[in-house]
Structure formats: structure tokens, C-alpha cells
């Protein structure tokens, strides 16, 4: 399940300013998605098997943090917000303050932390964006990530 707020696509880095917050709506990872991702990329018992997960630190099946990050980034990119301006990135600092369970609806907000036009005069710059993914039911943050993005001007 995916819902997204209608946010106009960026046309330039210059449209961003520190302090802006964008709400990209929500999505839910199904148990099948959680297990399939884990099988392929993070095969730990607490991501793969409900019974094994009961004996883990989490006590239940949870999504891989890598899956949570990938799903949040994919949700953002599918919104089209960065489609015309994204030139890639070179850093991402990530924390997972709480686990995400299969079937739990989450909501993605992105905050602009920093905007730096290129000093060389090139038509691009750098934006630091903070991704906050929170469970809809209780507002608990499951992903707190700061990404450095190269964007067109």
C-alpha cells in the first residue's frame, strides 16, 4: 500500500531552503516483501522467519534496516520530486531508532538541512536532506537518515 502527497517536482536546487519539510505520504512493507529482501540481501533470522525472530532481540519478525532505507528512498524517487534535478549523491548517514514490522504503515517526511550552490560556477549544488520515516500508528521514527545529494540548478 502506498499513498503520497502531491508535491511539485523540483526544477532547481535553488527552490530548496534549510528548514523546509516535505511530506511524501506513506507505504507499508508486506511480510512477503520483508522476507524476500532479507533472503536476497540481509539473511538474518529475525528478518526471515517468525519463529526464529521470537528468540531475537526484537522478539518478532522485523524488516531489515537496509530494506527500510531502500523502501524510503524508492518511495521518494517514485514521487518524481527529484526526477529533473537529481545527479546522484555521495554520502548517507543512517540510524534505525526502532524496528519496522511487516504490515506497519509508515510515513516519510524529508527536511532540507543545507543547500550549497557549486563554488565553481557549475549549474549544480549540494543539498543535505534528512529522511524521517515514522510509524503512522504511534509516530515512532524507524529511520533517521541524512543524505548528501548533487542537484541541478
C-alpha atoms as a PDB file:
ATOM      1  CA  UNK A   1       0.000   0.000   0.000  1.00  0.00           C
ATOM      2  CA  UNK A   2       1.325   3.403  -0.952  1.00  0.00           C
ATOM      3  CA  UNK A   3      -0.054   6.885  -0.503  1.00  0.00           C
ATOM      4  CA  UNK A   4       1.734  10.043  -1.476  1.00  0.00           C
ATOM      5  CA  UNK A   5       1.158  13.707  -1.052  1.00  0.00           C
ATOM      6  CA  UNK A   6       1.178  15.771  -4.234  1.00  0.00           C
ATOM      7  CA  UNK A   7       4.434  17.689  -4.228  1.00  0.00           C
ATOM      8  CA  UNK A   8       5.521  19.583  -7.311  1.00  0.00           C
ATOM      9  CA  UNK A   9       8.749  18.268  -8.849  1.00  0.00           C
ATOM     10  CA  UNK A  10      11.807  20.405  -8.192  1.00  0.00           C
ATOM     11  CA  UNK A  11      13.104  22.353 -11.176  1.00  0.00           C
ATOM     12  CA  UNK A  12      16.264  23.571  -9.450  1.00  0.00           C
ATOM     13  CA  UNK A  13      18.337  23.262  -6.311  1.00  0.00           C
ATOM     14  CA  UNK A  14      17.531  26.950  -5.825  1.00  0.00           C
ATOM     15  CA  UNK A  15      13.951  26.050  -4.831  1.00  0.00           C
ATOM     16  CA  UNK A  16      15.257  24.485  -1.618  1.00  0.00           C
ATOM     17  CA  UNK A  17      15.993  26.277   1.638  1.00  0.00           C
ATOM     18  CA  UNK A  18      17.034  24.964   5.041  1.00  0.00           C
ATOM     19  CA  UNK A  19      14.052  24.275   7.282  1.00  0.00           C
ATOM     20  CA  UNK A  20      11.638  23.238   4.540  1.00  0.00           C
ATOM     21  CA  UNK A  21       9.801  19.982   5.307  1.00  0.00           C
ATOM     22  CA  UNK A  22       8.037  17.862   2.700  1.00  0.00           C
ATOM     23  CA  UNK A  23       5.530  15.095   3.491  1.00  0.00           C
ATOM     24  CA  UNK A  24       5.667  12.285   0.927  1.00  0.00           C
ATOM     25  CA  UNK A  25       2.863  10.191   2.353  1.00  0.00           C
ATOM     26  CA  UNK A  26       3.175   6.599   3.339  1.00  0.00           C
ATOM     27  CA  UNK A  27       3.688   2.991   2.449  1.00  0.00           C
ATOM     28  CA  UNK A  28       3.626  -0.439   4.047  1.00  0.00           C
ATOM     29  CA  UNK A  29       6.045  -3.344   3.615  1.00  0.00           C
ATOM     30  CA  UNK A  30       4.301  -6.702   3.481  1.00  0.00           C
ATOM     31  CA  UNK A  31       5.695  -9.771   5.202  1.00  0.00           C
ATOM     32  CA  UNK A  32       6.435 -11.304   1.794  1.00  0.00           C
ATOM     33  CA  UNK A  33       8.457  -8.215   0.801  1.00  0.00           C
ATOM     34  CA  UNK A  34      10.363  -8.225   4.102  1.00  0.00           C
ATOM     35  CA  UNK A  35      11.269 -11.904   3.794  1.00  0.00           C
ATOM     36  CA  UNK A  36      12.181 -11.670   0.091  1.00  0.00           C
ATOM     37  CA  UNK A  37      14.510  -8.697   0.658  1.00  0.00           C
ATOM     38  CA  UNK A  38      16.116 -10.463   3.606  1.00  0.00           C
ATOM     39  CA  UNK A  39      16.548 -13.666   1.636  1.00  0.00           C
ATOM     40  CA  UNK A  40      18.430 -11.760  -1.066  1.00  0.00           C
ATOM     41  CA  UNK A  41      20.344  -9.078   0.867  1.00  0.00           C
ATOM     42  CA  UNK A  42      20.217  -9.455   4.659  1.00  0.00           C
ATOM     43  CA  UNK A  43      19.610 -13.111   5.579  1.00  0.00           C
ATOM     44  CA  UNK A  44      19.387 -12.822   9.338  1.00  0.00           C
ATOM     45  CA  UNK A  45      16.843 -14.977  11.204  1.00  0.00           C
ATOM     46  CA  UNK A  46      14.853 -12.036  12.610  1.00  0.00           C
ATOM     47  CA  UNK A  47      14.176 -10.862   9.030  1.00  0.00           C
ATOM     48  CA  UNK A  48      13.421 -14.301   7.597  1.00  0.00           C
ATOM     49  CA  UNK A  49      11.426 -16.427  10.000  1.00  0.00           C
ATOM     50  CA  UNK A  50       8.722 -15.579  12.562  1.00  0.00           C
ATOM     51  CA  UNK A  51       9.684 -18.476  14.862  1.00  0.00           C
ATOM     52  CA  UNK A  52      13.410 -17.686  14.820  1.00  0.00           C
ATOM     53  CA  UNK A  53      12.644 -13.990  15.292  1.00  0.00           C
ATOM     54  CA  UNK A  54      10.906 -14.729  18.611  1.00  0.00           C
ATOM     55  CA  UNK A  55      14.294 -15.690  20.044  1.00  0.00           C
ATOM     56  CA  UNK A  56      15.946 -12.484  18.810  1.00  0.00           C
ATOM     57  CA  UNK A  57      16.471  -9.088  20.386  1.00  0.00           C
ATOM     58  CA  UNK A  58      13.293  -7.941  18.595  1.00  0.00           C
ATOM     59  CA  UNK A  59      11.064 -10.838  19.664  1.00  0.00           C
ATOM     60  CA  UNK A  60       9.278 -10.756  16.312  1.00  0.00           C
ATOM     61  CA  UNK A  61       9.852 -10.535  12.581  1.00  0.00           C
ATOM     62  CA  UNK A  62      11.193  -7.110  11.538  1.00  0.00           C
ATOM     63  CA  UNK A  63      12.260  -5.512   8.282  1.00  0.00           C
ATOM     64  CA  UNK A  64      15.934  -5.161   7.527  1.00  0.00           C
ATOM     65  CA  UNK A  65      17.202  -1.640   8.146  1.00  0.00           C
ATOM     66  CA  UNK A  66      18.670  -1.759   4.655  1.00  0.00           C
ATOM     67  CA  UNK A  67      15.219  -2.605   3.293  1.00  0.00           C
ATOM     68  CA  UNK A  68      13.665   0.226   5.286  1.00  0.00           C
ATOM     69  CA  UNK A  69      16.206   2.682   3.859  1.00  0.00           C
ATOM     70  CA  UNK A  70      15.786   1.376   0.311  1.00  0.00           C
ATOM     71  CA  UNK A  71      12.000   1.477   0.542  1.00  0.00           C
ATOM     72  CA  UNK A  72      12.029   5.069   1.837  1.00  0.00           C
ATOM     73  CA  UNK A  73      14.416   6.193  -0.912  1.00  0.00           C
ATOM     74  CA  UNK A  74      12.392   4.360  -3.563  1.00  0.00           C
ATOM     75  CA  UNK A  75       9.198   5.978  -2.281  1.00  0.00           C
ATOM     76  CA  UNK A  76      10.823   9.410  -2.556  1.00  0.00           C
ATOM     77  CA  UNK A  77      12.192   8.768  -6.044  1.00  0.00           C
ATOM     78  CA  UNK A  78       8.850   7.424  -7.338  1.00  0.00           C
ATOM     79  CA  UNK A  79       7.240  10.697  -6.213  1.00  0.00           C
ATOM     80  CA  UNK A  80       9.089  12.457  -9.048  1.00  0.00           C
ATOM     81  CA  UNK A  81      10.197  15.254  -6.731  1.00  0.00           C
ATOM     82  CA  UNK A  82      13.875  14.924  -7.670  1.00  0.00           C
ATOM     83  CA  UNK A  83      13.453  13.470 -11.178  1.00  0.00           C
ATOM     84  CA  UNK A  84      14.542  16.567 -13.124  1.00  0.00           C
ATOM     85  CA  UNK A  85      17.362  17.612 -10.801  1.00  0.00           C
ATOM     86  CA  UNK A  86      18.988  14.524  -9.271  1.00  0.00           C
ATOM     87  CA  UNK A  87      22.623  13.944 -10.208  1.00  0.00           C
ATOM     88  CA  UNK A  88      23.304  11.287  -7.563  1.00  0.00           C
ATOM     89  CA  UNK A  89      24.863  11.544  -4.155  1.00  0.00           C
ATOM     90  CA  UNK A  90      27.953  10.611  -2.213  1.00  0.00           C
ATOM     91  CA  UNK A  91      27.007  10.079   1.419  1.00  0.00           C
ATOM     92  CA  UNK A  92      24.256   8.816   3.647  1.00  0.00           C
ATOM     93  CA  UNK A  93      24.341   8.679   7.441  1.00  0.00           C
ATOM     94  CA  UNK A  94      21.636   6.431   8.818  1.00  0.00           C
ATOM     95  CA  UNK A  95      20.143   5.386  12.140  1.00  0.00           C
ATOM     96  CA  UNK A  96      17.322   2.959  12.811  1.00  0.00           C
ATOM     97  CA  UNK A  97      15.959   4.072  16.224  1.00  0.00           C
ATOM     98  CA  UNK A  98      13.158   1.476  16.233  1.00  0.00           C
ATOM     99  CA  UNK A  99      12.262  -1.621  14.230  1.00  0.00           C
ATOM    100  CA  UNK A 100       9.717  -1.725  11.424  1.00  0.00           C
ATOM    101  CA  UNK A 101       7.377  -4.698  11.462  1.00  0.00           C
ATOM    102  CA  UNK A 102       5.726  -6.104   8.340  1.00  0.00           C
ATOM    103  CA  UNK A 103       2.318  -4.587   7.692  1.00  0.00           C
ATOM    104  CA  UNK A 104       3.021  -1.412   9.687  1.00  0.00           C
ATOM    105  CA  UNK A 105       2.099   1.744   7.762  1.00  0.00           C
ATOM    106  CA  UNK A 106       4.853   4.365   7.788  1.00  0.00           C
ATOM    107  CA  UNK A 107       5.051   7.964   6.571  1.00  0.00           C
ATOM    108  CA  UNK A 108       8.044   9.703   5.005  1.00  0.00           C
ATOM    109  CA  UNK A 109       8.995  13.311   5.663  1.00  0.00           C
ATOM    110  CA  UNK A 110      12.059  14.994   4.204  1.00  0.00           C
ATOM    111  CA  UNK A 111      13.646  18.063   5.778  1.00  0.00           C
ATOM    112  CA  UNK A 112      16.104  20.305   3.950  1.00  0.00           C
ATOM    113  CA  UNK A 113      19.116  20.765   6.228  1.00  0.00           C
ATOM    114  CA  UNK A 114      21.601  22.523   3.984  1.00  0.00           C
ATOM    115  CA  UNK A 115      21.856  23.905   0.441  1.00  0.00           C
ATOM    116  CA  UNK A 116      25.190  24.806  -1.149  1.00  0.00           C
ATOM    117  CA  UNK A 117      25.429  26.027  -4.760  1.00  0.00           C
ATOM    118  CA  UNK A 118      28.604  24.958  -6.565  1.00  0.00           C
ATOM    119  CA  UNK A 119      31.532  27.284  -5.885  1.00  0.00           C
ATOM    120  CA  UNK A 120      32.964  26.544  -9.336  1.00  0.00           C
ATOM    121  CA  UNK A 121      30.066  28.213 -11.115  1.00  0.00           C
ATOM    122  CA  UNK A 122      28.770  24.912 -12.492  1.00  0.00           C
ATOM    123  CA  UNK A 123      24.962  24.635 -12.727  1.00  0.00           C
ATOM    124  CA  UNK A 124      24.629  22.307  -9.743  1.00  0.00           C
ATOM    125  CA  UNK A 125      24.964  22.186  -5.993  1.00  0.00           C
ATOM    126  CA  UNK A 126      24.663  20.032  -2.917  1.00  0.00           C
ATOM    127  CA  UNK A 127      21.635  19.557  -0.685  1.00  0.00           C
ATOM    128  CA  UNK A 128      21.666  17.704   2.607  1.00  0.00           C
ATOM    129  CA  UNK A 129      18.275  16.111   3.135  1.00  0.00           C
ATOM    130  CA  UNK A 130      17.081  14.395   6.288  1.00  0.00           C
ATOM    131  CA  UNK A 131      14.734  11.469   5.796  1.00  0.00           C
ATOM    132  CA  UNK A 132      12.434  10.703   8.718  1.00  0.00           C
ATOM    133  CA  UNK A 133      10.298   7.603   8.376  1.00  0.00           C
ATOM    134  CA  UNK A 134       7.814   7.138  11.201  1.00  0.00           C
ATOM    135  CA  UNK A 135       5.156   4.586  12.046  1.00  0.00           C
ATOM    136  CA  UNK A 136       1.720   6.084  11.435  1.00  0.00           C
ATOM    137  CA  UNK A 137       0.173   4.411  14.475  1.00  0.00           C
ATOM    138  CA  UNK A 138       2.398   5.978  17.118  1.00  0.00           C
ATOM    139  CA  UNK A 139       4.778   8.392  15.354  1.00  0.00           C
ATOM    140  CA  UNK A 140       7.856   6.398  16.387  1.00  0.00           C
ATOM    141  CA  UNK A 141      10.743   7.020  13.999  1.00  0.00           C
ATOM    142  CA  UNK A 142      12.074   3.857  12.325  1.00  0.00           C
ATOM    143  CA  UNK A 143      14.564   5.582  10.001  1.00  0.00           C
ATOM    144  CA  UNK A 144      16.537   8.781  10.516  1.00  0.00           C
ATOM    145  CA  UNK A 145      18.903   9.363   7.638  1.00  0.00           C
ATOM    146  CA  UNK A 146      20.823  12.323   6.206  1.00  0.00           C
ATOM    147  CA  UNK A 147      21.740  12.098   2.547  1.00  0.00           C
ATOM    148  CA  UNK A 148      24.009  14.338   0.520  1.00  0.00           C
ATOM    149  CA  UNK A 149      22.530  14.909  -2.939  1.00  0.00           C
ATOM    150  CA  UNK A 150      24.012  16.568  -6.016  1.00  0.00           C
ATOM    151  CA  UNK A 151      21.224  18.537  -7.696  1.00  0.00           C
ATOM    152  CA  UNK A 152      20.937  20.645 -10.857  1.00  0.00           C
ATOM    153  CA  UNK A 153      20.391  24.382 -10.626  1.00  0.00           C
END
